[in-house]
Amino acid sequence: MNIGTAIKKLRVRKTLNQQDFANRIGITQTYLSQIENGHKRPSLEVLEFIAKDSKIPLPIMFWCGVELEDITETKREAYKMLKPSIDALITSLF
């Protein structure tokens, strides 16, 4: 799971730079950069702030961080077929 990538996508979609987004959620720009680049793992509290600011449920943010390697081999084909539709639905709702 790469939650940092999901957070970066949310931030970019909101057209915010790291400094502005970090200020909005109460962390430093350096810490946000480390999260987005996979060098640090955010606490649940930080994830909740990000989800609230982004107006998305926390489980949706987790979904956006799922990578193919997180899925068991026997279910990867189903994941690959469903992921584009689920991502499109999430984008249209949030």
Protein backbone atom coordinates (compact mmCIF):
# COMPACT_ATOMS: atom_id res chain seq x y z
CA MET A 1 0.00 0.00 0.00
CA ASN A 2 1.28 3.41 -0.91
CA ILE A 3 -0.83 5.93 0.95
CA GLY A 4 1.66 8.66 0.07
CA THR A 5 0.83 8.36 -3.61
CA ALA A 6 -2.88 8.59 -2.82
CA ILE A 7 -2.30 11.70 -0.72
CA LYS A 8 -0.25 13.32 -3.46
CA LYS A 9 -2.98 12.61 -6.04
CA LEU A 10 -5.56 14.22 -3.75
CA ARG A 11 -3.37 17.26 -3.23
CA VAL A 12 -2.60 17.70 -6.92
CA ARG A 13 -6.27 17.29 -7.81
CA LYS A 14 -7.02 20.15 -5.45
CA THR A 15 -4.26 22.15 -7.21
CA LEU A 16 -2.45 22.78 -3.92
CA ASN A 17 1.29 22.90 -3.47
CA GLN A 18 2.83 20.94 -0.61
CA GLN A 19 3.26 23.98 1.63
CA ASP A 20 -0.37 25.09 1.34
CA PHE A 21 -1.73 21.57 1.84
CA ALA A 22 0.57 20.94 4.80
CA ASN A 23 -0.60 24.18 6.42
CA ARG A 24 -4.24 23.19 5.92
CA ILE A 25 -3.77 19.85 7.68
CA GLY A 26 -1.40 21.05 10.39
CA ILE A 27 1.88 19.40 9.43
CA THR A 28 5.14 20.65 7.96
CA GLN A 29 5.84 20.67 4.25
CA THR A 30 8.87 18.46 4.89
CA TYR A 31 6.76 15.84 6.66
CA LEU A 32 4.17 15.92 3.85
CA SER A 33 6.93 15.46 1.28
CA GLN A 34 8.28 12.49 3.22
CA ILE A 35 4.80 10.95 3.34
CA GLU A 36 4.17 11.49 -0.36
CA ASN A 37 7.55 9.96 -1.24
CA GLY A 38 7.04 6.92 0.99
CA HIS A 39 9.75 7.81 3.50
CA LYS A 40 7.34 8.32 6.42
CA ARG A 41 4.02 6.77 7.37
CA PRO A 42 1.40 9.21 8.60
CA SER A 43 -0.41 8.64 11.86
CA LEU A 44 -4.12 7.86 11.83
CA GLU A 45 -4.74 11.37 13.13
CA VAL A 46 -2.93 12.92 10.17
CA LEU A 47 -4.80 10.64 7.77
CA GLU A 48 -8.09 11.75 9.33
CA PHE A 49 -7.13 15.43 8.89
CA ILE A 50 -6.25 14.79 5.24
CA ALA A 51 -9.50 12.92 4.60
CA LYS A 52 -11.55 15.62 6.30
CA ASP A 53 -9.82 18.42 4.40
CA SER A 54 -10.21 16.50 1.13
CA LYS A 55 -13.85 15.74 1.92
CA ILE A 56 -13.47 12.03 1.31
CA PRO A 57 -14.05 9.08 3.63
CA LEU A 58 -10.86 7.60 5.03
CA PRO A 59 -11.54 4.15 3.49
CA ILE A 60 -11.62 5.78 0.05
CA MET A 61 -8.17 7.21 0.68
CA PHE A 62 -6.97 3.73 1.65
CA TRP A 63 -8.46 2.30 -1.56
CA CYS A 64 -6.53 4.87 -3.57
CA GLY A 65 -3.32 3.68 -1.92
CA VAL A 66 -3.78 0.01 -2.82
CA GLU A 67 -1.21 -1.31 -5.28
CA LEU A 68 -1.33 -4.46 -7.39
CA GLU A 69 1.29 -6.11 -5.17
CA ASP A 70 -1.10 -5.73 -2.20
CA ILE A 71 -3.58 -8.08 -3.87
CA THR A 72 -3.14 -11.84 -3.66
CA GLU A 73 -2.12 -13.37 -6.97
CA THR A 74 -5.35 -15.30 -7.34
CA LYS A 75 -7.39 -12.08 -7.18
CA ARG A 76 -5.20 -9.75 -9.24
CA GLU A 77 -7.08 -10.26 -12.51
CA ALA A 78 -10.37 -9.33 -10.84
CA TYR A 79 -8.70 -6.31 -9.24
CA LYS A 80 -7.30 -5.16 -12.59
CA MET A 81 -10.74 -5.46 -14.19
CA LEU A 82 -12.60 -3.64 -11.38
CA LYS A 83 -10.09 -0.95 -10.43
CA PRO A 84 -10.73 1.42 -13.37
CA SER A 85 -14.49 1.39 -12.76
CA ILE A 86 -14.13 1.87 -9.02
CA ASP A 87 -11.61 4.69 -9.53
CA ALA A 88 -13.96 6.40 -12.00
CA LEU A 89 -16.85 6.11 -9.53
CA ILE A 90 -14.74 7.56 -6.72
CA THR A 91 -13.63 10.44 -8.93
CA SER A 92 -17.21 11.23 -9.89
CA LEU A 93 -18.40 11.15 -6.27
CA PHE A 94 -15.49 12.91 -4.58
